[in-house]
């Protein structure tokens, strides 16, 4: 793979310093850096799961009730519309 990149001065200097310390050609230095980055990412613990589900569960918003299994089909027959505002029609 051919890579062409414009690095900022800080990272250019860091790359040159790394190349000097490793005493390797640039392509090998980049290979070492990529391998080190992958190893670092793999060794990191999995981030704490903070999904929407878990956030809602933590505040007690998620739960379940025992009710008719057909509630999703006949829920309208169970709703009390007597306090509904707006036009009836």
PDB file of N, CA and C in Angstrom:
ATOM      1  N   UNK A   1       0.850  -1.167   0.000  1.00  0.00           N
ATOM      2  CA  UNK A   1       0.000   0.000   0.000  1.00  0.00           C
ATOM      3  C   UNK A   1       0.898   1.233   0.000  1.00  0.00           C
ATOM      4  N   UNK A   2       0.517   2.185  -0.789  1.00  0.00           N
ATOM      5  CA  UNK A   2       1.257   3.441  -0.828  1.00  0.00           C
ATOM      6  C   UNK A   2       0.498   4.456   0.015  1.00  0.00           C
ATOM      7  N   UNK A   3       1.215   5.151   0.893  1.00  0.00           N
ATOM      8  CA  UNK A   3       0.607   6.145   1.774  1.00  0.00           C
ATOM      9  C   UNK A   3       1.292   7.484   1.551  1.00  0.00           C
ATOM     10  N   UNK A   4       0.484   8.503   1.353  1.00  0.00           N
ATOM     11  CA  UNK A   4       1.004   9.864   1.273  1.00  0.00           C
ATOM     12  C   UNK A   4       0.227  10.674   2.300  1.00  0.00           C
ATOM     13  N   UNK A   5       0.944  11.335   3.184  1.00  0.00           N
ATOM     14  CA  UNK A   5       0.270  12.060   4.265  1.00  0.00           C
ATOM     15  C   UNK A   5       0.988  13.362   4.560  1.00  0.00           C
ATOM     16  N   UNK A   6       0.214  14.367   4.930  1.00  0.00           N
ATOM     17  CA  UNK A   6       0.758  15.635   5.409  1.00  0.00           C
ATOM     18  C   UNK A   6       0.569  15.664   6.919  1.00  0.00           C
ATOM     19  N   UNK A   7       1.650  15.466   7.643  1.00  0.00           N
ATOM     20  CA  UNK A   7       1.585  15.480   9.099  1.00  0.00           C
ATOM     21  C   UNK A   7       1.850  16.880   9.621  1.00  0.00           C
ATOM     22  N   UNK A   8       1.227  17.201  10.741  1.00  0.00           N
ATOM     23  CA  UNK A   8       1.521  18.475  11.394  1.00  0.00           C
ATOM     24  C   UNK A   8       2.943  18.400  11.950  1.00  0.00           C
ATOM     25  N   UNK A   9       3.535  19.550  12.280  1.00  0.00           N
ATOM     26  CA  UNK A   9       4.933  19.560  12.739  1.00  0.00           C
ATOM     27  C   UNK A   9       5.191  18.652  13.945  1.00  0.00           C
ATOM     28  N   UNK A  10       4.280  18.611  14.887  1.00  0.00           N
ATOM     29  CA  UNK A  10       4.474  17.786  16.077  1.00  0.00           C
ATOM     30  C   UNK A  10       4.594  16.308  15.713  1.00  0.00           C
ATOM     31  N   UNK A  11       3.646  15.810  14.917  1.00  0.00           N
ATOM     32  CA  UNK A  11       3.665  14.394  14.567  1.00  0.00           C
ATOM     33  C   UNK A  11       4.777  14.067  13.570  1.00  0.00           C
ATOM     34  N   UNK A  12       5.149  15.027  12.748  1.00  0.00           N
ATOM     35  CA  UNK A  12       6.309  14.818  11.867  1.00  0.00           C
ATOM     36  C   UNK A  12       7.562  14.594  12.695  1.00  0.00           C
ATOM     37  N   UNK A  13       7.742  15.422  13.710  1.00  0.00           N
ATOM     38  CA  UNK A  13       8.915  15.282  14.574  1.00  0.00           C
ATOM     39  C   UNK A  13       8.865  13.976  15.364  1.00  0.00           C
ATOM     40  N   UNK A  14       7.693  13.622  15.840  1.00  0.00           N
ATOM     41  CA  UNK A  14       7.558  12.359  16.582  1.00  0.00           C
ATOM     42  C   UNK A  14       7.871  11.160  15.687  1.00  0.00           C
ATOM     43  N   UNK A  15       7.411  11.210  14.443  1.00  0.00           N
ATOM     44  CA  UNK A  15       7.682  10.110  13.521  1.00  0.00           C
ATOM     45  C   UNK A  15       9.176  10.013  13.226  1.00  0.00           C
ATOM     46  N   UNK A  16       9.832  11.165  13.023  1.00  0.00           N
ATOM     47  CA  UNK A  16      11.282  11.162  12.796  1.00  0.00           C
ATOM     48  C   UNK A  16      12.024  10.618  14.016  1.00  0.00           C
ATOM     49  N   UNK A  17      11.582  11.028  15.205  1.00  0.00           N
ATOM     50  CA  UNK A  17      12.230  10.552  16.434  1.00  0.00           C
ATOM     51  C   UNK A  17      12.036   9.051  16.599  1.00  0.00           C
ATOM     52  N   UNK A  18      10.838   8.571  16.303  1.00  0.00           N
ATOM     53  CA  UNK A  18      10.562   7.141  16.393  1.00  0.00           C
ATOM     54  C   UNK A  18      11.416   6.361  15.398  1.00  0.00           C
ATOM     55  N   UNK A  19      11.536   6.908  14.204  1.00  0.00           N
ATOM     56  CA  UNK A  19      12.363   6.255  13.191  1.00  0.00           C
ATOM     57  C   UNK A  19      13.821   6.201  13.651  1.00  0.00           C
ATOM     58  N   UNK A  20      14.285   7.284  14.276  1.00  0.00           N
ATOM     59  CA  UNK A  20      15.654   7.307  14.781  1.00  0.00           C
ATOM     60  C   UNK A  20      15.866   6.310  15.910  1.00  0.00           C
ATOM     61  N   UNK A  21      14.895   6.215  16.816  1.00  0.00           N
ATOM     62  CA  UNK A  21      15.030   5.296  17.954  1.00  0.00           C
ATOM     63  C   UNK A  21      14.975   3.841  17.513  1.00  0.00           C
ATOM     64  N   UNK A  22      14.131   3.555  16.527  1.00  0.00           N
ATOM     65  CA  UNK A  22      14.012   2.171  16.059  1.00  0.00           C
ATOM     66  C   UNK A  22      15.092   1.813  15.044  1.00  0.00           C
ATOM     67  N   UNK A  23      15.678   2.849  14.452  1.00  0.00           N
ATOM     68  CA  UNK A  23      16.715   2.655  13.437  1.00  0.00           C
ATOM     69  C   UNK A  23      16.217   1.726  12.321  1.00  0.00           C
ATOM     70  N   UNK A  24      15.005   2.061  11.819  1.00  0.00           N
ATOM     71  CA  UNK A  24      14.380   1.263  10.765  1.00  0.00           C
ATOM     72  C   UNK A  24      13.878   2.202   9.679  1.00  0.00           C
ATOM     73  N   UNK A  25      13.653   1.685   8.480  1.00  0.00           N
ATOM     74  CA  UNK A  25      13.066   2.515   7.428  1.00  0.00           C
ATOM     75  C   UNK A  25      11.631   2.898   7.796  1.00  0.00           C
ATOM     76  N   UNK A  26      11.156   3.963   7.172  1.00  0.00           N
ATOM     77  CA  UNK A  26       9.853   4.523   7.523  1.00  0.00           C
ATOM     78  C   UNK A  26       8.722   3.503   7.391  1.00  0.00           C
ATOM     79  N   UNK A  27       8.738   2.682   6.363  1.00  0.00           N
ATOM     80  CA  UNK A  27       7.650   1.711   6.205  1.00  0.00           C
ATOM     81  C   UNK A  27       7.610   0.710   7.356  1.00  0.00           C
ATOM     82  N   UNK A  28       8.770   0.325   7.876  1.00  0.00           N
ATOM     83  CA  UNK A  28       8.798  -0.585   9.023  1.00  0.00           C
ATOM     84  C   UNK A  28       8.370   0.127  10.303  1.00  0.00           C
ATOM     85  N   UNK A  29       8.728   1.404  10.424  1.00  0.00           N
ATOM     86  CA  UNK A  29       8.304   2.191  11.593  1.00  0.00           C
ATOM     87  C   UNK A  29       6.784   2.297  11.618  1.00  0.00           C
ATOM     88  N   UNK A  30       6.187   2.557  10.457  1.00  0.00           N
ATOM     89  CA  UNK A  30       4.722   2.633  10.399  1.00  0.00           C
ATOM     90  C   UNK A  30       4.095   1.277  10.731  1.00  0.00           C
ATOM     91  N   UNK A  31       4.701   0.199  10.282  1.00  0.00           N
ATOM     92  CA  UNK A  31       4.203  -1.135  10.628  1.00  0.00           C
ATOM     93  C   UNK A  31       4.248  -1.379  12.120  1.00  0.00           C
ATOM     94  N   UNK A  32       5.355  -0.990  12.756  1.00  0.00           N
ATOM     95  CA  UNK A  32       5.488  -1.139  14.211  1.00  0.00           C
ATOM     96  C   UNK A  32       4.437  -0.289  14.921  1.00  0.00           C
ATOM     97  N   UNK A  33       4.239   0.943  14.436  1.00  0.00           N
ATOM     98  CA  UNK A  33       3.259   1.839  15.061  1.00  0.00           C
ATOM     99  C   UNK A  33       1.844   1.286  14.924  1.00  0.00           C
ATOM    100  N   UNK A  34       1.520   0.747  13.766  1.00  0.00           N
ATOM    101  CA  UNK A  34       0.191   0.164  13.556  1.00  0.00           C
ATOM    102  C   UNK A  34      -0.007  -1.047  14.465  1.00  0.00           C
ATOM    103  N   UNK A  35       0.991  -1.914  14.528  1.00  0.00           N
ATOM    104  CA  UNK A  35       0.893  -3.088  15.405  1.00  0.00           C
ATOM    105  C   UNK A  35       0.737  -2.678  16.867  1.00  0.00           C
ATOM    106  N   UNK A  36       1.484  -1.647  17.281  1.00  0.00           N
ATOM    107  CA  UNK A  36       1.391  -1.174  18.666  1.00  0.00           C
ATOM    108  C   UNK A  36       0.012  -0.590  18.949  1.00  0.00           C
ATOM    109  N   UNK A  37      -0.544   0.139  17.991  1.00  0.00           N
ATOM    110  CA  UNK A  37      -1.873   0.723  18.179  1.00  0.00           C
ATOM    111  C   UNK A  37      -2.933  -0.368  18.297  1.00  0.00           C
ATOM    112  N   UNK A  38      -2.840  -1.375  17.449  1.00  0.00           N
ATOM    113  CA  UNK A  38      -3.804  -2.479  17.510  1.00  0.00           C
ATOM    114  C   UNK A  38      -3.673  -3.228  18.831  1.00  0.00           C
ATOM    115  N   UNK A  39      -2.452  -3.502  19.249  1.00  0.00           N
ATOM    116  CA  UNK A  39      -2.230  -4.188  20.527  1.00  0.00           C
ATOM    117  C   UNK A  39      -2.799  -3.358  21.682  1.00  0.00           C
ATOM    118  N   UNK A  40      -2.582  -2.053  21.629  1.00  0.00           N
ATOM    119  CA  UNK A  40      -3.089  -1.168  22.681  1.00  0.00           C
ATOM    120  C   UNK A  40      -4.618  -1.218  22.729  1.00  0.00           C
ATOM    121  N   UNK A  41      -5.259  -1.148  21.571  1.00  0.00           N
ATOM    122  CA  UNK A  41      -6.723  -1.181  21.534  1.00  0.00           C
ATOM    123  C   UNK A  41      -7.270  -2.514  22.025  1.00  0.00           C
ATOM    124  N   UNK A  42      -6.610  -3.598  21.654  1.00  0.00           N
ATOM    125  CA  UNK A  42      -7.081  -4.920  22.077  1.00  0.00           C
ATOM    126  C   UNK A  42      -6.878  -5.162  23.563  1.00  0.00           C
ATOM    127  N   UNK A  43      -5.879  -4.509  24.157  1.00  0.00           N
ATOM    128  CA  UNK A  43      -5.611  -4.729  25.578  1.00  0.00           C
ATOM    129  C   UNK A  43      -6.461  -3.839  26.476  1.00  0.00           C
ATOM    130  N   UNK A  44      -7.132  -2.861  25.887  1.00  0.00           N
ATOM    131  CA  UNK A  44      -7.985  -1.977  26.684  1.00  0.00           C
ATOM    132  C   UNK A  44      -9.230  -2.738  27.115  1.00  0.00           C
ATOM    133  N   UNK A  45      -9.698  -2.500  28.340  1.00  0.00           N
ATOM    134  CA  UNK A  45     -10.940  -3.162  28.758  1.00  0.00           C
ATOM    135  C   UNK A  45     -12.110  -2.629  27.941  1.00  0.00           C
ATOM    136  N   UNK A  46     -13.091  -3.483  27.767  1.00  0.00           N
ATOM    137  CA  UNK A  46     -14.282  -3.034  27.060  1.00  0.00           C
ATOM    138  C   UNK A  46     -14.880  -1.862  27.819  1.00  0.00           C
ATOM    139  N   UNK A  47     -15.253  -0.845  27.084  1.00  0.00           N
ATOM    140  CA  UNK A  47     -15.854   0.328  27.717  1.00  0.00           C
ATOM    141  C   UNK A  47     -17.117  -0.111  28.446  1.00  0.00           C
ATOM    142  N   UNK A  48     -17.372   0.538  29.559  1.00  0.00           N
ATOM    143  CA  UNK A  48     -18.602   0.227  30.286  1.00  0.00           C
ATOM    144  C   UNK A  48     -19.782   0.437  29.358  1.00  0.00           C
ATOM    145  N   UNK A  49     -20.646  -0.557  29.338  1.00  0.00           N
ATOM    146  CA  UNK A  49     -21.811  -0.437  28.467  1.00  0.00           C
ATOM    147  C   UNK A  49     -22.709   0.663  29.000  1.00  0.00           C
ATOM    148  N   UNK A  50     -23.009   1.594  28.175  1.00  0.00           N
ATOM    149  CA  UNK A  50     -23.896   2.678  28.593  1.00  0.00           C
ATOM    150  C   UNK A  50     -24.934   2.891  27.499  1.00  0.00           C
ATOM    151  N   UNK A  51     -25.649   1.832  27.204  1.00  0.00           N
ATOM    152  CA  UNK A  51     -26.664   1.912  26.169  1.00  0.00           C
ATOM    153  C   UNK A  51     -27.892   2.643  26.697  1.00  0.00           C
ATOM    154  N   UNK A  52     -28.719   3.054  25.787  1.00  0.00           N
ATOM    155  CA  UNK A  52     -29.965   3.710  26.165  1.00  0.00           C
ATOM    156  C   UNK A  52     -30.800   2.786  27.045  1.00  0.00           C
ATOM    157  N   UNK A  53     -30.845   1.508  26.694  1.00  0.00           N
ATOM    158  CA  UNK A  53     -31.603   0.551  27.496  1.00  0.00           C
ATOM    159  C   UNK A  53     -31.121   0.546  28.938  1.00  0.00           C
ATOM    160  N   UNK A  54     -29.809   0.475  29.134  1.00  0.00           N
ATOM    161  CA  UNK A  54     -29.271   0.411  30.493  1.00  0.00           C
ATOM    162  C   UNK A  54     -29.522   1.704  31.254  1.00  0.00           C
ATOM    163  N   UNK A  55     -29.449   2.835  30.567  1.00  0.00           N
ATOM    164  CA  UNK A  55     -29.724   4.112  31.226  1.00  0.00           C
ATOM    165  C   UNK A  55     -31.181   4.171  31.677  1.00  0.00           C
ATOM    166  N   UNK A  56     -32.089   3.733  30.814  1.00  0.00           N
ATOM    167  CA  UNK A  56     -33.507   3.736  31.185  1.00  0.00           C
ATOM    168  C   UNK A  56     -33.799   2.711  32.276  1.00  0.00           C
ATOM    169  N   UNK A  57     -33.148   1.573  32.211  1.00  0.00           N
ATOM    170  CA  UNK A  57     -33.325   0.550  33.236  1.00  0.00           C
ATOM    171  C   UNK A  57     -32.830   1.053  34.591  1.00  0.00           C
ATOM    172  N   UNK A  58     -31.734   1.791  34.592  1.00  0.00           N
ATOM    173  CA  UNK A  58     -31.154   2.293  35.845  1.00  0.00           C
ATOM    174  C   UNK A  58     -32.088   3.252  36.570  1.00  0.00           C
ATOM    175  N   UNK A  59     -32.903   3.980  35.826  1.00  0.00           N
ATOM    176  CA  UNK A  59     -33.829   4.921  36.476  1.00  0.00           C
ATOM    177  C   UNK A  59     -35.211   4.309  36.679  1.00  0.00           C
ATOM    178  N   UNK A  60     -35.339   3.021  36.403  1.00  0.00           N
ATOM    179  CA  UNK A  60     -36.599   2.337  36.647  1.00  0.00           C
ATOM    180  C   UNK A  60     -37.629   2.525  35.556  1.00  0.00           C
ATOM    181  N   UNK A  61     -37.221   2.979  34.401  1.00  0.00           N
ATOM    182  CA  UNK A  61     -38.167   3.232  33.319  1.00  0.00           C
ATOM    183  C   UNK A  61     -38.545   1.953  32.577  1.00  0.00           C
ATOM    184  N   UNK A  62     -37.695   0.951  32.630  1.00  0.00           N
ATOM    185  CA  UNK A  62     -37.937  -0.310  31.935  1.00  0.00           C
ATOM    186  C   UNK A  62     -38.499  -1.311  32.938  1.00  0.00           C
ATOM    187  N   UNK A  63     -39.536  -1.996  32.541  1.00  0.00           N
ATOM    188  CA  UNK A  63     -40.120  -2.994  33.416  1.00  0.00           C
ATOM    189  C   UNK A  63     -41.100  -3.839  32.636  1.00  0.00           C
ATOM    190  N   UNK A  64     -41.824  -4.662  33.340  1.00  0.00           N
ATOM    191  CA  UNK A  64     -42.828  -5.474  32.671  1.00  0.00           C
ATOM    192  C   UNK A  64     -44.005  -5.674  33.617  1.00  0.00           C
ATOM    193  N   UNK A  65     -45.137  -5.996  33.026  1.00  0.00           N
ATOM    194  CA  UNK A  65     -46.342  -6.264  33.802  1.00  0.00           C
ATOM    195  C   UNK A  65     -46.984  -7.534  33.250  1.00  0.00           C
ATOM    196  N   UNK A  66     -47.784  -8.158  34.067  1.00  0.00           N
ATOM    197  CA  UNK A  66     -48.563  -9.293  33.600  1.00  0.00           C
ATOM    198  C   UNK A  66     -49.895  -8.757  33.119  1.00  0.00           C
ATOM    199  N   UNK A  67     -50.245  -9.065  31.881  1.00  0.00           N
ATOM    200  CA  UNK A  67     -51.511  -8.624  31.322  1.00  0.00           C
ATOM    201  C   UNK A  67     -51.878  -9.546  30.169  1.00  0.00           C
ATOM    202  N   UNK A  68     -52.976  -9.242  29.565  1.00  0.00           N
ATOM    203  CA  UNK A  68     -53.480 -10.024  28.446  1.00  0.00           C
ATOM    204  C   UNK A  68     -52.456 -10.056  27.309  1.00  0.00           C
ATOM    205  N   UNK A  69     -52.208 -11.248  26.767  1.00  0.00           N
ATOM    206  CA  UNK A  69     -51.252 -11.370  25.665  1.00  0.00           C
ATOM    207  C   UNK A  69     -51.736 -10.679  24.408  1.00  0.00           C
ATOM    208  N   UNK A  70     -53.027 -10.430  24.309  1.00  0.00           N
ATOM    209  CA  UNK A  70     -53.595  -9.793  23.125  1.00  0.00           C
ATOM    210  C   UNK A  70     -53.713  -8.276  23.278  1.00  0.00           C
ATOM    211  N   UNK A  71     -53.044  -7.732  24.261  1.00  0.00           N
ATOM    212  CA  UNK A  71     -53.156  -6.300  24.524  1.00  0.00           C
ATOM    213  C   UNK A  71     -52.784  -5.462  23.307  1.00  0.00           C
ATOM    214  N   UNK A  72     -51.803  -5.886  22.547  1.00  0.00           N
ATOM    215  CA  UNK A  72     -51.410  -5.108  21.377  1.00  0.00           C
ATOM    216  C   UNK A  72     -52.487  -5.122  20.299  1.00  0.00           C
ATOM    217  N   UNK A  73     -53.387  -6.081  20.355  1.00  0.00           N
ATOM    218  CA  UNK A  73     -54.455  -6.180  19.366  1.00  0.00           C
ATOM    219  C   UNK A  73     -55.696  -5.419  19.819  1.00  0.00           C
ATOM    220  N   UNK A  74     -56.064  -5.548  21.101  1.00  0.00           N
ATOM    221  CA  UNK A  74     -57.328  -4.960  21.564  1.00  0.00           C
ATOM    222  C   UNK A  74     -57.146  -3.835  22.578  1.00  0.00           C
ATOM    223  N   UNK A  75     -56.011  -3.153  22.522  1.00  0.00           N
ATOM    224  CA  UNK A  75     -55.751  -2.106  23.514  1.00  0.00           C
ATOM    225  C   UNK A  75     -56.770  -0.975  23.456  1.00  0.00           C
ATOM    226  N   UNK A  76     -57.329  -0.669  22.278  1.00  0.00           N
ATOM    227  CA  UNK A  76     -58.265   0.454  22.171  1.00  0.00           C
ATOM    228  C   UNK A  76     -59.545   0.198  22.958  1.00  0.00           C
ATOM    229  N   UNK A  77     -59.924  -1.054  23.090  1.00  0.00           N
ATOM    230  CA  UNK A  77     -61.138  -1.359  23.847  1.00  0.00           C
ATOM    231  C   UNK A  77     -60.922  -1.150  25.340  1.00  0.00           C
ATOM    232  N   UNK A  78     -59.682  -1.041  25.783  1.00  0.00           N
ATOM    233  CA  UNK A  78     -59.365  -0.861  27.201  1.00  0.00           C
ATOM    234  C   UNK A  78     -59.121   0.599  27.579  1.00  0.00           C
ATOM    235  N   UNK A  79     -59.016   1.477  26.602  1.00  0.00           N
ATOM    236  CA  UNK A  79     -58.706   2.875  26.890  1.00  0.00           C
ATOM    237  C   UNK A  79     -59.979   3.616  27.269  1.00  0.00           C
ATOM    238  N   UNK A  80     -59.874   4.409  28.321  1.00  0.00           N
ATOM    239  CA  UNK A  80     -60.995   5.235  28.773  1.00  0.00           C
ATOM    240  C   UNK A  80     -60.883   6.588  28.082  1.00  0.00           C
ATOM    241  N   UNK A  81     -61.766   6.840  27.124  1.00  0.00           N
ATOM    242  CA  UNK A  81     -61.742   8.086  26.371  1.00  0.00           C
ATOM    243  C   UNK A  81     -62.618   9.167  27.000  1.00  0.00           C
ATOM    244  N   UNK A  82     -63.169   8.940  28.179  1.00  0.00           N
ATOM    245  CA  UNK A  82     -64.122   9.888  28.763  1.00  0.00           C
ATOM    246  C   UNK A  82     -63.488  11.240  29.089  1.00  0.00           C
ATOM    247  N   UNK A  83     -62.209  11.282  29.371  1.00  0.00           N
ATOM    248  CA  UNK A  83     -61.554  12.556  29.692  1.00  0.00           C
ATOM    249  C   UNK A  83     -60.800  13.148  28.514  1.00  0.00           C
ATOM    250  N   UNK A  84     -61.027  12.604  27.338  1.00  0.00           N
ATOM    251  CA  UNK A  84     -60.321  13.082  26.159  1.00  0.00           C
ATOM    252  C   UNK A  84     -60.859  14.443  25.756  1.00  0.00           C
ATOM    253  N   UNK A  85     -59.946  15.327  25.403  1.00  0.00           N
ATOM    254  CA  UNK A  85     -60.376  16.644  24.926  1.00  0.00           C
ATOM    255  C   UNK A  85     -60.326  16.656  23.408  1.00  0.00           C
ATOM    256  N   UNK A  86     -60.953  17.642  22.832  1.00  0.00           N
ATOM    257  CA  UNK A  86     -60.962  17.743  21.377  1.00  0.00           C
ATOM    258  C   UNK A  86     -62.296  17.300  20.822  1.00  0.00           C
ATOM    259  N   UNK A  87     -62.383  17.369  19.530  1.00  0.00           N
ATOM    260  CA  UNK A  87     -63.644  17.042  18.874  1.00  0.00           C
ATOM    261  C   UNK A  87     -63.853  15.542  18.807  1.00  0.00           C
ATOM    262  N   UNK A  88     -65.103  15.176  18.977  1.00  0.00           N
ATOM    263  CA  UNK A  88     -65.469  13.773  18.820  1.00  0.00           C
ATOM    264  C   UNK A  88     -66.058  13.625  17.435  1.00  0.00           C
ATOM    265  N   UNK A  89     -65.711  12.594  16.806  1.00  0.00           N
ATOM    266  CA  UNK A  89     -66.290  12.519  15.491  1.00  0.00           C
ATOM    267  C   UNK A  89     -66.103  11.280  14.845  1.00  0.00           C
TER     268      UNK A  89
END
